[in-house]
């Protein structure tokens, strides 16, 4: 099951009943927008204990349309790269510190 923003908001409001839902939604939106804007500027985002988000540049190339076999020019683009923190890796693999 994927975590969607509405589920995250529901869990946060359950754990922090003294905050209004609209304030928690604004909080989530601010964090996600800041991550997006930082990556857009080409900087990296480091969340300790979770991982690092960074952008990589994918060069322009000539690729093929798999359906027709026709050559297609693919322009240069940015992709997001995620490197998992060691703590998260250990938790996912049930390893002890």
N, C-alpha and C. Protein backbone atom coordinates (compact mmCIF):
# COMPACT_ATOMS: atom_id res chain seq x y z
N UNK A 1 0.84 -1.19 0.00
CA UNK A 1 0.00 0.00 0.00
C UNK A 1 0.88 1.24 0.00
N UNK A 2 0.60 2.14 -0.88
CA UNK A 2 1.36 3.38 -0.98
C UNK A 2 0.86 4.39 0.05
N UNK A 3 1.76 5.25 0.47
CA UNK A 3 1.37 6.33 1.38
C UNK A 3 1.02 7.54 0.53
N UNK A 4 -0.21 7.97 0.64
CA UNK A 4 -0.66 9.16 -0.08
C UNK A 4 -0.77 10.31 0.91
N UNK A 5 -0.82 11.51 0.38
CA UNK A 5 -0.82 12.69 1.24
C UNK A 5 -2.01 12.70 2.19
N UNK A 6 -3.18 12.23 1.74
CA UNK A 6 -4.37 12.23 2.61
C UNK A 6 -4.20 11.25 3.78
N UNK A 7 -3.55 10.11 3.54
CA UNK A 7 -3.30 9.13 4.60
C UNK A 7 -2.30 9.70 5.61
N UNK A 8 -1.27 10.36 5.10
CA UNK A 8 -0.28 11.00 5.96
C UNK A 8 -0.93 12.06 6.83
N UNK A 9 -1.80 12.86 6.22
CA UNK A 9 -2.53 13.90 6.96
C UNK A 9 -3.42 13.28 8.03
N UNK A 10 -4.09 12.19 7.70
CA UNK A 10 -4.97 11.51 8.66
C UNK A 10 -4.17 10.99 9.86
N UNK A 11 -3.01 10.36 9.58
CA UNK A 11 -2.17 9.84 10.66
C UNK A 11 -1.60 10.96 11.53
N UNK A 12 -1.18 12.05 10.90
CA UNK A 12 -0.66 13.18 11.67
C UNK A 12 -1.74 13.78 12.57
N UNK A 13 -2.95 13.92 12.03
CA UNK A 13 -4.02 14.52 12.83
C UNK A 13 -4.42 13.60 13.99
N UNK A 14 -4.27 12.27 13.79
CA UNK A 14 -4.56 11.33 14.88
C UNK A 14 -3.49 11.42 15.97
N UNK A 15 -2.23 11.56 15.56
CA UNK A 15 -1.13 11.64 16.52
C UNK A 15 -1.00 13.00 17.19
N UNK A 16 -1.46 14.05 16.50
CA UNK A 16 -1.37 15.41 17.04
C UNK A 16 -2.76 16.06 17.00
N UNK A 17 -3.65 15.65 17.91
CA UNK A 17 -5.03 16.16 17.87
C UNK A 17 -5.16 17.65 18.21
N UNK A 18 -4.12 18.22 18.82
CA UNK A 18 -4.20 19.63 19.18
C UNK A 18 -3.94 20.56 17.98
N UNK A 19 -3.49 20.01 16.84
CA UNK A 19 -3.29 20.82 15.64
C UNK A 19 -4.51 20.68 14.74
N UNK A 20 -4.87 21.77 14.08
CA UNK A 20 -5.97 21.73 13.12
C UNK A 20 -5.50 21.02 11.86
N UNK A 21 -6.45 20.33 11.19
CA UNK A 21 -6.10 19.60 9.96
C UNK A 21 -5.57 20.54 8.88
N UNK A 22 -6.15 21.73 8.78
CA UNK A 22 -5.71 22.66 7.74
C UNK A 22 -4.27 23.12 8.00
N UNK A 23 -3.87 23.23 9.28
CA UNK A 23 -2.50 23.61 9.61
C UNK A 23 -1.53 22.48 9.27
N UNK A 24 -1.94 21.25 9.56
CA UNK A 24 -1.09 20.10 9.23
C UNK A 24 -0.95 19.95 7.72
N UNK A 25 -2.04 20.20 6.97
CA UNK A 25 -1.98 20.13 5.51
C UNK A 25 -1.02 21.19 4.97
N UNK A 26 -1.09 22.38 5.54
CA UNK A 26 -0.20 23.45 5.12
C UNK A 26 1.26 23.08 5.43
N UNK A 27 1.48 22.47 6.56
CA UNK A 27 2.81 22.02 6.97
C UNK A 27 3.37 21.00 5.98
N UNK A 28 2.56 20.02 5.60
CA UNK A 28 2.99 19.00 4.63
C UNK A 28 3.29 19.65 3.28
N UNK A 29 2.41 20.56 2.86
CA UNK A 29 2.60 21.24 1.57
C UNK A 29 3.88 22.07 1.55
N UNK A 30 4.18 22.75 2.65
CA UNK A 30 5.40 23.56 2.73
C UNK A 30 6.64 22.67 2.61
N UNK A 31 6.64 21.55 3.31
CA UNK A 31 7.80 20.64 3.26
C UNK A 31 7.99 20.09 1.86
N UNK A 32 6.91 19.60 1.24
CA UNK A 32 7.03 19.03 -0.10
C UNK A 32 7.42 20.08 -1.14
N UNK A 33 6.87 21.29 -1.01
CA UNK A 33 7.23 22.37 -1.94
C UNK A 33 8.69 22.76 -1.79
N UNK A 34 9.18 22.77 -0.56
CA UNK A 34 10.58 23.12 -0.33
C UNK A 34 11.51 22.07 -0.93
N UNK A 35 11.13 20.80 -0.79
CA UNK A 35 11.93 19.73 -1.40
C UNK A 35 11.93 19.88 -2.92
N UNK A 36 10.77 20.14 -3.52
CA UNK A 36 10.67 20.32 -4.97
C UNK A 36 11.51 21.50 -5.44
N UNK A 37 11.39 22.63 -4.75
CA UNK A 37 12.13 23.83 -5.16
C UNK A 37 13.63 23.65 -5.03
N UNK A 38 14.07 22.96 -3.99
CA UNK A 38 15.49 22.72 -3.79
C UNK A 38 16.04 21.83 -4.90
N UNK A 39 15.31 20.78 -5.25
CA UNK A 39 15.74 19.90 -6.34
C UNK A 39 15.73 20.64 -7.67
N UNK A 40 14.75 21.52 -7.85
CA UNK A 40 14.65 22.30 -9.09
C UNK A 40 15.87 23.21 -9.27
N UNK A 41 16.41 23.72 -8.13
CA UNK A 41 17.60 24.57 -8.18
C UNK A 41 18.88 23.76 -8.38
N UNK A 42 18.75 22.44 -8.36
CA UNK A 42 19.91 21.58 -8.56
C UNK A 42 20.66 21.25 -7.29
N UNK A 43 20.08 21.57 -6.14
CA UNK A 43 20.71 21.28 -4.86
C UNK A 43 20.19 19.94 -4.35
N UNK A 44 20.86 19.39 -3.34
CA UNK A 44 20.41 18.11 -2.79
C UNK A 44 19.65 18.32 -1.49
N UNK A 45 18.78 17.36 -1.19
CA UNK A 45 17.97 17.39 0.02
C UNK A 45 18.38 16.19 0.87
N UNK A 46 18.83 16.45 2.08
CA UNK A 46 19.26 15.38 2.97
C UNK A 46 18.32 15.32 4.17
N UNK A 47 17.67 14.17 4.34
CA UNK A 47 16.80 13.93 5.48
C UNK A 47 17.49 12.88 6.33
N UNK A 48 18.09 13.29 7.44
CA UNK A 48 18.88 12.38 8.27
C UNK A 48 18.06 11.18 8.69
N UNK A 49 18.66 10.01 8.57
CA UNK A 49 17.99 8.77 8.95
C UNK A 49 17.04 8.25 7.88
N UNK A 50 16.81 9.02 6.83
CA UNK A 50 15.91 8.60 5.75
C UNK A 50 16.66 8.44 4.44
N UNK A 51 17.31 9.51 3.99
CA UNK A 51 18.06 9.41 2.75
C UNK A 51 18.34 10.76 2.13
N UNK A 52 18.93 10.72 0.94
CA UNK A 52 19.33 11.92 0.22
C UNK A 52 18.67 11.92 -1.16
N UNK A 53 18.02 13.03 -1.50
CA UNK A 53 17.47 13.24 -2.84
C UNK A 53 18.42 14.18 -3.57
N UNK A 54 18.76 13.84 -4.80
CA UNK A 54 19.57 14.74 -5.61
C UNK A 54 19.12 14.60 -7.06
N UNK A 55 19.56 15.52 -7.90
CA UNK A 55 19.21 15.45 -9.31
C UNK A 55 20.43 15.05 -10.12
N UNK A 56 20.18 14.32 -11.17
CA UNK A 56 21.22 13.95 -12.12
C UNK A 56 20.76 14.37 -13.50
N UNK A 57 21.72 14.74 -14.32
CA UNK A 57 21.40 15.17 -15.68
C UNK A 57 21.55 13.97 -16.62
N UNK A 58 20.50 13.71 -17.37
CA UNK A 58 20.53 12.63 -18.35
C UNK A 58 20.81 13.27 -19.71
N UNK A 59 21.86 12.84 -20.37
CA UNK A 59 22.27 13.44 -21.64
C UNK A 59 21.22 13.22 -22.73
N UNK A 60 21.24 14.14 -23.70
CA UNK A 60 20.39 13.97 -24.88
C UNK A 60 20.91 12.77 -25.66
N UNK A 61 20.00 12.04 -26.26
CA UNK A 61 20.42 10.86 -27.01
C UNK A 61 19.40 10.52 -28.08
N UNK A 62 19.79 9.63 -28.93
CA UNK A 62 18.87 9.11 -29.93
C UNK A 62 18.40 7.75 -29.43
N UNK A 63 17.10 7.62 -29.23
CA UNK A 63 16.54 6.37 -28.75
C UNK A 63 15.58 5.83 -29.81
N UNK A 64 15.00 4.68 -29.53
CA UNK A 64 14.09 4.05 -30.49
C UNK A 64 12.70 3.90 -29.88
N UNK A 65 11.71 4.07 -30.73
CA UNK A 65 10.33 3.78 -30.34
C UNK A 65 10.20 2.26 -30.40
N UNK A 66 9.92 1.61 -29.25
CA UNK A 66 9.88 0.14 -29.25
C UNK A 66 8.78 -0.46 -30.13
N UNK A 67 7.72 0.29 -30.34
CA UNK A 67 6.60 -0.22 -31.13
C UNK A 67 6.92 -0.23 -32.63
N UNK A 68 7.54 0.88 -33.10
CA UNK A 68 7.79 1.01 -34.53
C UNK A 68 9.25 0.81 -34.91
N UNK A 69 10.16 0.92 -33.95
CA UNK A 69 11.59 0.82 -34.24
C UNK A 69 12.16 2.10 -34.80
N UNK A 70 11.35 3.13 -34.89
CA UNK A 70 11.76 4.42 -35.44
C UNK A 70 12.68 5.15 -34.47
N UNK A 71 13.72 5.84 -35.00
CA UNK A 71 14.64 6.62 -34.16
C UNK A 71 13.96 7.90 -33.70
N UNK A 72 14.15 8.22 -32.40
CA UNK A 72 13.54 9.40 -31.80
C UNK A 72 14.61 10.17 -31.04
N UNK A 73 14.66 11.48 -31.22
CA UNK A 73 15.58 12.31 -30.45
C UNK A 73 15.00 12.54 -29.06
N UNK A 74 15.76 12.17 -28.04
CA UNK A 74 15.34 12.38 -26.65
C UNK A 74 16.18 13.52 -26.10
N UNK A 75 15.56 14.62 -25.68
CA UNK A 75 16.33 15.77 -25.19
C UNK A 75 16.95 15.50 -23.81
N UNK A 76 17.88 16.36 -23.44
CA UNK A 76 18.51 16.27 -22.11
C UNK A 76 17.45 16.55 -21.06
N UNK A 77 17.53 15.85 -19.93
CA UNK A 77 16.56 16.08 -18.86
C UNK A 77 17.18 15.76 -17.51
N UNK A 78 16.52 16.28 -16.46
CA UNK A 78 16.95 16.00 -15.09
C UNK A 78 16.15 14.82 -14.55
N UNK A 79 16.81 13.98 -13.77
CA UNK A 79 16.12 12.88 -13.09
C UNK A 79 16.43 12.98 -11.60
N UNK A 80 15.57 12.41 -10.79
CA UNK A 80 15.78 12.43 -9.35
C UNK A 80 16.45 11.13 -8.93
N UNK A 81 17.47 11.27 -8.11
CA UNK A 81 18.22 10.13 -7.59
C UNK A 81 18.01 10.10 -6.07
N UNK A 82 17.74 8.90 -5.52
CA UNK A 82 17.55 8.75 -4.08
C UNK A 82 18.56 7.76 -3.54
N UNK A 83 19.27 8.15 -2.50
CA UNK A 83 20.19 7.24 -1.84
C UNK A 83 19.69 7.06 -0.41
N UNK A 84 19.39 5.81 -0.07
CA UNK A 84 18.83 5.48 1.23
C UNK A 84 19.88 5.62 2.33
N UNK A 85 19.46 6.10 3.49
CA UNK A 85 20.34 6.20 4.66
C UNK A 85 20.59 4.80 5.22
N UNK A 86 21.74 4.62 5.85
CA UNK A 86 22.09 3.32 6.43
C UNK A 86 21.07 2.89 7.49
N UNK A 87 20.58 3.84 8.29
CA UNK A 87 19.59 3.53 9.33
C UNK A 87 18.32 2.94 8.71
N UNK A 88 17.84 3.56 7.65
CA UNK A 88 16.63 3.07 6.99
C UNK A 88 16.89 1.71 6.35
N UNK A 89 18.05 1.53 5.75
CA UNK A 89 18.41 0.25 5.15
C UNK A 89 18.38 -0.87 6.20
N UNK A 90 18.95 -0.58 7.37
CA UNK A 90 18.98 -1.57 8.44
C UNK A 90 17.58 -1.90 8.95
N UNK A 91 16.73 -0.88 9.07
CA UNK A 91 15.35 -1.11 9.52
C UNK A 91 14.57 -1.95 8.51
N UNK A 92 14.76 -1.67 7.23
CA UNK A 92 14.05 -2.42 6.19
C UNK A 92 14.50 -3.87 6.14
N UNK A 93 15.76 -4.13 6.47
CA UNK A 93 16.31 -5.48 6.40
C UNK A 93 16.40 -6.16 7.76
N UNK A 94 15.73 -5.59 8.75
CA UNK A 94 15.69 -6.14 10.12
C UNK A 94 17.06 -6.42 10.69
N UNK A 95 17.99 -5.53 10.40
CA UNK A 95 19.34 -5.66 10.98
C UNK A 95 19.41 -4.83 12.24
N UNK A 96 20.25 -5.25 13.16
CA UNK A 96 20.47 -4.49 14.38
C UNK A 96 21.66 -3.57 14.18
N UNK A 97 21.64 -2.45 14.90
CA UNK A 97 22.72 -1.47 14.77
C UNK A 97 24.00 -2.00 15.34
